[in-house]
Structure formats: C-alpha cells, structure tokens
Amino acid sequence: MMINGKSIVVFLATLTLSQCIFKIKDLQRMISSKDDRLELKLLNKQDNTPRNEIKRKVDAIVQKQPSDVQDTYKELLQAKEAKDEAEYNVDVIVLKKQGASKEALSALEKIHNTTLDMSLSRRDEEKQIKAIKYSLDKKDRKILDSLE
C-alpha cells in the first residue's frame, strides 16, 4: 500500500476529529481522581471500540463527578456539536458556491453522517470516510479535500 500526502492528511484530520468528539482532554483536566483520568486516557486511545461504547464509559465517569464538572462537560459537548453542525453547513454552502457536483455534495453528506454514527469505531469511521472520498472522481475528491 502506497501512502501519499493526501492519505496522511485525511488520516490526521479524521483522527483529530475522532479524538476530540467527546472532549476527553478537557474532561481530564476537570477531574481530580487519578484513576478516572487514567481511564479517560485509555479510552481516548481506543481506535477499535465503537464510539457509543466509549461514550457510555465516559458518561459513567462524568456521572461520578460534582455537578459543576457535569454541567461544564455538558456545555462543552453541546458547543462542540453546534460548532460541528455549523461547519458542515458552511462546507455545504461553499461546495454549492463552487459549483460542486451532486456526487461531491452527496459524499459530503455521507461523510457527515459517518462522523455522527456512534456505532462505528474511530478506525471504521476513518475507513468509511476514506472509501467515500475514493469513490469520487479526482476533481470531486480535490474539491472535498479543499474543505479541510
């Protein structure tokens, strides 16, 4: 398998997106229990575990925390979700403005839905996004890559 610069960029963008989806690093900073921080660190490294399972474990840790930590963490997640949705909407507008094909717009929607599918592991999410992008012709792939 040949790895090129674009593959690395796609991988790093997906990895970064996946790792911050639960705002684990911010949560770690707010938690005083060394054991809980260690468990969060380990959860943050699990690339083959379905994200809904990771979320369930993170939520269990959050439930043990004081209400100020719980409330702040909830606010962080809501802000992240709102930002992600707004950025997706910006990307749709940009693609339409650039005259992107229906295939490129459809691929963007599929990628967005893939990132929202919590039954996927981080690795499965990455593979599906890569497959979606590589199903496009070179021109459409280049347009999608320009959004990153």
Protein backbone atom coordinates (compact mmCIF):
# COMPACT_ATOMS: atom_id res chain seq x y z
CA MET A 1 0.00 0.00 0.00
CA MET A 2 1.43 3.34 -1.03
CA ILE A 3 0.90 6.24 1.35
CA ASN A 4 0.85 9.72 -0.08
CA GLY A 5 0.48 13.15 1.45
CA LYS A 6 -3.28 13.25 0.92
CA SER A 7 -3.75 9.94 2.74
CA ILE A 8 -1.81 11.27 5.70
CA VAL A 9 -3.85 14.49 5.78
CA VAL A 10 -7.14 12.55 5.63
CA PHE A 11 -5.93 10.22 8.39
CA LEU A 12 -4.76 13.03 10.67
CA ALA A 13 -7.92 15.09 10.15
CA THR A 14 -10.10 12.08 10.92
CA LEU A 15 -8.01 11.11 13.93
CA THR A 16 -8.14 14.62 15.34
CA LEU A 17 -11.88 14.84 14.79
CA SER A 18 -12.44 11.48 16.44
CA GLN A 19 -10.27 12.19 19.45
CA CYS A 20 -11.98 15.44 20.31
CA ILE A 21 -15.54 14.23 19.75
CA PHE A 22 -16.00 13.54 23.46
CA LYS A 23 -13.82 16.41 24.70
CA ILE A 24 -11.91 13.87 26.79
CA LYS A 25 -8.83 16.03 27.28
CA ASP A 26 -10.95 18.87 28.68
CA LEU A 27 -12.77 16.43 30.93
CA GLN A 28 -9.46 15.00 32.19
CA ARG A 29 -8.38 18.48 33.25
CA MET A 30 -11.53 18.92 35.36
CA ILE A 31 -11.35 15.56 37.17
CA SER A 32 -9.36 15.12 40.36
CA SER A 33 -9.43 11.29 40.53
CA LYS A 34 -6.21 9.85 39.16
CA ASP A 35 -7.98 6.55 38.31
CA ASP A 36 -10.70 8.32 36.33
CA ARG A 37 -8.12 10.42 34.47
CA LEU A 38 -6.19 7.25 33.60
CA GLU A 39 -9.34 5.51 32.38
CA LEU A 40 -10.18 8.52 30.20
CA LYS A 41 -6.65 8.49 28.79
CA LEU A 42 -7.05 4.82 27.87
CA LEU A 43 -10.50 5.42 26.37
CA ASN A 44 -9.08 8.22 24.25
CA LYS A 45 -6.64 5.75 22.67
CA GLN A 46 -9.21 3.10 21.75
CA ASP A 47 -9.48 3.17 17.97
CA ASN A 48 -11.27 -0.17 17.53
CA THR A 49 -14.02 0.27 20.13
CA PRO A 50 -17.41 1.54 18.93
CA ARG A 51 -17.74 5.18 19.89
CA ASN A 52 -21.11 4.60 21.58
CA GLU A 53 -19.32 2.22 23.98
CA ILE A 54 -16.64 4.84 24.65
CA LYS A 55 -19.39 7.41 25.22
CA ARG A 56 -21.14 5.08 27.68
CA LYS A 57 -17.92 4.69 29.68
CA VAL A 58 -17.16 8.42 29.58
CA ASP A 59 -20.73 9.18 30.70
CA ALA A 60 -20.31 6.78 33.65
CA ILE A 61 -17.19 8.68 34.72
CA VAL A 62 -18.96 12.02 34.30
CA GLN A 63 -21.86 10.85 36.49
CA LYS A 64 -19.42 10.32 39.39
CA GLN A 65 -18.23 13.93 39.20
CA PRO A 66 -19.52 17.01 41.04
CA SER A 67 -22.38 18.88 39.38
CA ASP A 68 -20.16 21.76 38.22
CA VAL A 69 -17.97 19.31 36.28
CA GLN A 70 -21.05 17.56 34.85
CA ASP A 71 -22.65 20.84 33.79
CA THR A 72 -19.46 22.23 32.25
CA TYR A 73 -18.80 18.99 30.38
CA LYS A 74 -22.36 19.01 29.03
CA GLU A 75 -21.85 22.60 27.84
CA LEU A 76 -18.60 21.63 26.12
CA LEU A 77 -20.32 18.78 24.25
CA GLN A 78 -23.25 20.97 23.21
CA ALA A 79 -20.90 23.69 21.97
CA LYS A 80 -18.87 21.10 20.03
CA GLU A 81 -22.00 19.64 18.42
CA ALA A 82 -23.27 23.11 17.45
CA LYS A 83 -19.87 24.09 16.02
CA ASP A 84 -19.59 20.85 14.04
CA GLU A 85 -23.07 21.27 12.58
CA ALA A 86 -22.40 24.91 11.66
CA GLU A 87 -19.09 23.94 10.00
CA TYR A 88 -20.88 21.25 8.00
CA ASN A 89 -23.43 23.84 6.85
CA VAL A 90 -20.60 26.19 5.85
CA ASP A 91 -19.00 23.36 3.84
CA VAL A 92 -22.29 22.69 2.02
CA ILE A 93 -22.63 26.38 1.15
CA VAL A 94 -19.01 26.57 -0.02
CA LEU A 95 -19.39 23.48 -2.23
CA LYS A 96 -22.59 24.82 -3.78
CA LYS A 97 -20.93 28.20 -4.36
CA GLN A 98 -18.02 26.42 -6.10
CA GLY A 99 -20.48 24.61 -8.34
CA ALA A 100 -19.68 21.20 -6.89
CA SER A 101 -21.32 18.17 -8.45
CA LYS A 102 -24.23 16.33 -6.87
CA GLU A 103 -21.80 13.49 -6.19
CA ALA A 104 -19.50 15.75 -4.17
CA LEU A 105 -22.43 17.15 -2.18
CA SER A 106 -23.74 13.65 -1.57
CA ALA A 107 -20.29 12.49 -0.46
CA LEU A 108 -20.05 15.39 1.97
CA GLU A 109 -23.41 14.40 3.46
CA LYS A 110 -22.30 10.75 3.72
CA ILE A 111 -19.09 11.82 5.46
CA HIS A 112 -21.07 13.98 7.87
CA ASN A 113 -23.44 11.11 8.65
CA THR A 114 -20.49 8.77 9.13
CA THR A 115 -18.98 11.10 11.71
CA LEU A 116 -22.32 11.10 13.54
CA ASP A 117 -22.66 7.29 13.54
CA MET A 118 -21.57 6.38 17.05
CA SER A 119 -21.84 2.63 16.36
CA LEU A 120 -18.61 2.92 14.38
CA SER A 121 -15.18 2.74 15.93
CA ARG A 122 -12.74 5.52 15.12
CA ARG A 123 -10.90 3.19 12.76
CA ASP A 124 -14.14 2.16 11.00
CA GLU A 125 -15.15 5.81 10.70
CA GLU A 126 -11.79 6.61 9.12
CA LYS A 127 -12.09 3.70 6.67
CA GLN A 128 -15.61 4.67 5.63
CA ILE A 129 -14.67 8.30 5.08
CA LYS A 130 -11.67 7.26 3.02
CA ALA A 131 -13.86 4.91 0.94
CA ILE A 132 -16.41 7.66 0.36
CA LYS A 133 -13.72 10.06 -0.84
CA TYR A 134 -12.04 7.50 -3.07
CA SER A 135 -15.36 6.60 -4.68
CA LEU A 136 -15.35 10.08 -6.22
CA ASP A 137 -13.56 11.15 -9.33
CA LYS A 138 -10.33 13.10 -8.87
CA LYS A 139 -11.95 16.52 -9.38
CA ASP A 140 -14.65 15.95 -6.73
CA ARG A 141 -12.13 14.45 -4.31
CA LYS A 142 -9.95 17.53 -4.73
CA ILE A 143 -12.94 19.78 -4.02
CA LEU A 144 -13.72 17.87 -0.81
CA ASP A 145 -10.07 17.89 0.24
CA SER A 146 -10.04 21.68 -0.15
CA LEU A 147 -12.53 21.94 2.73
CA GLU A 148 -10.05 20.52 5.26
